[in-house]
Amino acid sequence: LANRQIQNYRNSNRSFTRPYSTKTVFFYKEGDIYFAGLRVPVSKARYRTIESLLDDLNSNISMPFGVRHLTTPRGKTIIKNIDQLQHHGRYIASSFKTPRPLNLLMVEKIQRIRQANRTHLPHYYRNNWFNYRKQNKNGRAKIPLKLSSDPATSKQVHFFLHYSFIINTSF
């Protein structure tokens, strides 16, 4: 070789200087716009067949009959081989051959809303967003109206038992 350059022998999916290239792929549940998506690094070293990828997706995405098929977002093209996946591609995981299409624009819109709500919280509540309390004009925390976590039926039974006990002891 002239000038001591490394010669690349490119194949369709690998070269000798870079044996396996990892693709970052996003998977979504069929028809579920509230599922945030699953980012999976896909390489030939980790997933040699599409079945091994589907098995891994089964453990991460809960579906009624498991993840059996991967399609493009509109559901037109079925993914049958790892080589069909594209870097930063988005795909639908489904249990059936004809999946329900997914509106990725709605998924992205919901993710933006979630991200905006998360960034408006104080920094010490961002990881525990459920601890965030609303404050009134004076800066004091509002007291929630629900004082007990018991359901209404157990409160009624509890009241009835204590009330009958008070009545019976007064005689």
Protein backbone atom coordinates (compact mmCIF):
# COMPACT_ATOMS: atom_id res chain seq x y z
CA LEU A 1 0.00 0.00 0.00
CA ALA A 2 1.17 3.48 -0.81
CA ASN A 3 1.62 6.03 1.99
CA ARG A 4 0.94 3.37 4.66
CA GLN A 5 -2.84 3.75 4.53
CA ILE A 6 -5.22 1.17 5.91
CA GLN A 7 -7.22 -0.35 3.13
CA ASN A 8 -10.86 -1.05 3.92
CA TYR A 9 -12.48 -4.09 2.35
CA ARG A 10 -16.11 -3.12 2.61
CA ASN A 11 -18.87 -5.66 2.58
CA SER A 12 -22.59 -4.90 2.76
CA ASN A 13 -22.64 -4.76 6.55
CA ARG A 14 -19.05 -4.83 7.83
CA SER A 15 -15.45 -3.99 7.05
CA PHE A 16 -12.19 -5.44 8.30
CA THR A 17 -11.23 -2.27 10.18
CA ARG A 18 -14.64 -2.12 11.85
CA PRO A 19 -15.94 -5.70 12.11
CA TYR A 20 -19.38 -5.02 13.57
CA SER A 21 -21.17 -1.73 13.51
CA THR A 22 -23.78 -1.14 16.20
CA LYS A 23 -27.06 0.42 15.19
CA THR A 24 -29.23 2.28 17.68
CA VAL A 25 -32.82 1.31 16.98
CA PHE A 26 -36.07 2.45 18.63
CA PHE A 27 -38.98 0.06 19.21
CA TYR A 28 -42.58 1.02 20.03
CA LYS A 29 -45.68 -0.93 21.03
CA GLU A 30 -48.33 -1.30 18.37
CA GLY A 31 -51.15 1.23 18.74
CA ASP A 32 -49.90 2.57 22.10
CA ILE A 33 -49.05 6.26 21.84
CA TYR A 34 -48.26 6.48 25.57
CA PHE A 35 -45.41 3.95 25.37
CA ALA A 36 -42.24 6.06 25.36
CA GLY A 37 -40.29 3.64 23.19
CA LEU A 38 -37.34 1.38 23.84
CA ARG A 39 -33.86 2.23 22.59
CA VAL A 40 -31.83 -0.89 21.79
CA PRO A 41 -28.27 -1.07 20.47
CA VAL A 42 -28.34 -3.76 17.78
CA SER A 43 -25.18 -5.43 16.51
CA LYS A 44 -24.44 -8.69 14.73
CA ALA A 45 -22.26 -9.72 17.67
CA ARG A 46 -25.17 -9.53 20.11
CA TYR A 47 -28.13 -10.49 17.90
CA ARG A 48 -27.20 -12.97 15.20
CA THR A 49 -30.81 -13.64 14.20
CA ILE A 50 -34.06 -11.72 14.36
CA GLU A 51 -35.43 -14.35 16.77
CA SER A 52 -32.80 -13.48 19.39
CA LEU A 53 -33.78 -9.81 19.09
CA LEU A 54 -37.47 -10.71 19.47
CA ASP A 55 -36.67 -12.76 22.59
CA ASP A 56 -34.86 -9.80 24.11
CA LEU A 57 -37.75 -7.47 23.23
CA ASN A 58 -40.17 -9.90 24.90
CA SER A 59 -38.48 -9.33 28.23
CA ASN A 60 -38.57 -5.53 27.85
CA ILE A 61 -41.94 -4.88 26.17
CA SER A 62 -45.04 -6.46 27.67
CA MET A 63 -47.51 -7.55 25.02
CA PRO A 64 -50.47 -9.95 25.28
CA PHE A 65 -48.93 -12.68 23.11
CA GLY A 66 -45.31 -11.52 23.19
CA VAL A 67 -43.34 -9.70 20.53
CA ARG A 68 -43.57 -11.84 17.38
CA HIS A 69 -43.18 -9.36 14.53
CA LEU A 70 -41.37 -6.12 13.77
CA THR A 71 -42.68 -3.71 11.15
CA THR A 72 -42.13 -0.18 9.96
CA PRO A 73 -44.26 2.50 11.69
CA ARG A 74 -47.04 2.31 9.11
CA GLY A 75 -47.07 -1.48 9.29
CA LYS A 76 -46.35 -2.02 5.59
CA THR A 77 -42.92 -3.67 5.68
CA ILE A 78 -42.21 -6.67 7.90
CA ILE A 79 -38.65 -6.89 9.24
CA LYS A 80 -37.35 -10.42 8.68
CA ASN A 81 -33.60 -9.90 9.04
CA ILE A 82 -31.27 -7.91 11.30
CA ASP A 83 -29.72 -6.29 8.23
CA GLN A 84 -33.03 -4.59 7.40
CA LEU A 85 -32.81 -2.46 10.56
CA GLN A 86 -31.44 1.03 10.02
CA HIS A 87 -29.42 3.19 12.39
CA HIS A 88 -31.83 5.49 14.32
CA GLY A 89 -34.72 3.61 12.72
CA ARG A 90 -38.12 3.35 14.38
CA TYR A 91 -40.06 0.10 14.35
CA ILE A 92 -43.29 -1.31 15.74
CA ALA A 93 -43.28 -4.44 17.90
CA SER A 94 -46.47 -6.46 17.51
CA SER A 95 -47.99 -9.81 18.40
CA PHE A 96 -49.83 -10.21 15.10
CA LYS A 97 -48.85 -10.15 11.43
CA THR A 98 -51.00 -7.11 10.69
CA PRO A 99 -50.19 -4.59 13.43
CA ARG A 100 -52.12 -1.46 14.22
CA PRO A 101 -50.23 1.53 12.80
CA LEU A 102 -48.68 4.01 15.20
CA ASN A 103 -48.69 7.78 14.86
CA LEU A 104 -45.10 8.65 15.80
CA LEU A 105 -45.92 12.37 15.78
CA MET A 106 -48.33 11.82 18.69
CA VAL A 107 -45.73 9.75 20.55
CA GLU A 108 -43.16 12.54 20.15
CA LYS A 109 -45.71 15.16 21.23
CA ILE A 110 -46.52 13.23 24.42
CA GLN A 111 -42.80 12.78 25.13
CA ARG A 112 -42.21 16.53 24.73
CA ILE A 113 -45.07 17.27 27.16
CA ARG A 114 -43.66 14.80 29.68
CA GLN A 115 -40.19 16.31 29.33
CA ALA A 116 -41.55 19.85 29.76
CA ASN A 117 -43.46 18.84 32.89
CA ARG A 118 -40.36 17.17 34.29
CA THR A 119 -38.11 20.19 33.70
CA HIS A 120 -40.51 22.58 35.50
CA LEU A 121 -40.10 20.70 38.78
CA PRO A 122 -37.43 21.83 41.24
CA HIS A 123 -34.18 19.91 40.82
CA TYR A 124 -34.63 17.95 44.06
CA TYR A 125 -38.05 16.64 42.93
CA ARG A 126 -37.16 15.65 39.36
CA ASN A 127 -36.40 12.03 40.24
CA ASN A 128 -39.31 11.78 42.69
CA TRP A 129 -41.98 13.76 40.85
CA PHE A 130 -44.73 12.19 42.97
CA ASN A 131 -43.37 14.02 46.08
CA TYR A 132 -44.00 17.41 44.50
CA ARG A 133 -46.70 19.37 46.35
CA LYS A 134 -48.62 22.35 45.08
CA GLN A 135 -48.28 25.48 47.15
CA ASN A 136 -50.79 28.23 47.85
CA LYS A 137 -50.11 31.98 47.58
CA ASN A 138 -48.39 32.15 50.99
CA GLY A 139 -45.83 29.53 49.96
CA ARG A 140 -47.24 26.89 52.30
CA ALA A 141 -48.05 23.42 51.09
CA LYS A 142 -51.73 22.71 50.52
CA ILE A 143 -53.25 20.03 52.73
CA PRO A 144 -54.81 17.29 50.62
CA LEU A 145 -58.53 16.67 51.15
CA LYS A 146 -58.06 12.93 51.28
CA LEU A 147 -56.79 12.33 54.83
CA SER A 148 -56.75 8.55 54.73
CA SER A 149 -55.62 6.09 52.12
CA ASP A 150 -58.43 3.65 53.02
CA PRO A 151 -61.15 3.18 50.42
CA ALA A 152 -64.56 4.72 51.17
CA THR A 153 -66.18 1.36 51.96
CA SER A 154 -63.64 0.51 54.66
CA LYS A 155 -64.12 3.99 56.19
CA GLN A 156 -67.85 3.36 56.40
CA VAL A 157 -67.38 -0.05 58.00
CA HIS A 158 -64.81 1.39 60.41
CA PHE A 159 -67.23 4.19 61.39
CA PHE A 160 -70.14 1.76 61.75
CA LEU A 161 -68.16 -0.62 63.99
CA HIS A 162 -66.96 2.17 66.27
CA TYR A 163 -70.36 3.84 66.36
CA SER A 164 -72.13 0.58 67.33
CA PHE A 165 -69.47 -0.02 69.99
CA ILE A 166 -70.13 3.41 71.50
CA ILE A 167 -73.90 2.84 71.47
CA ASN A 168 -73.62 -0.62 73.09
CA THR A 169 -71.30 0.58 75.87
CA SER A 170 -73.52 3.49 76.81
CA PHE A 171 -76.41 1.22 77.89
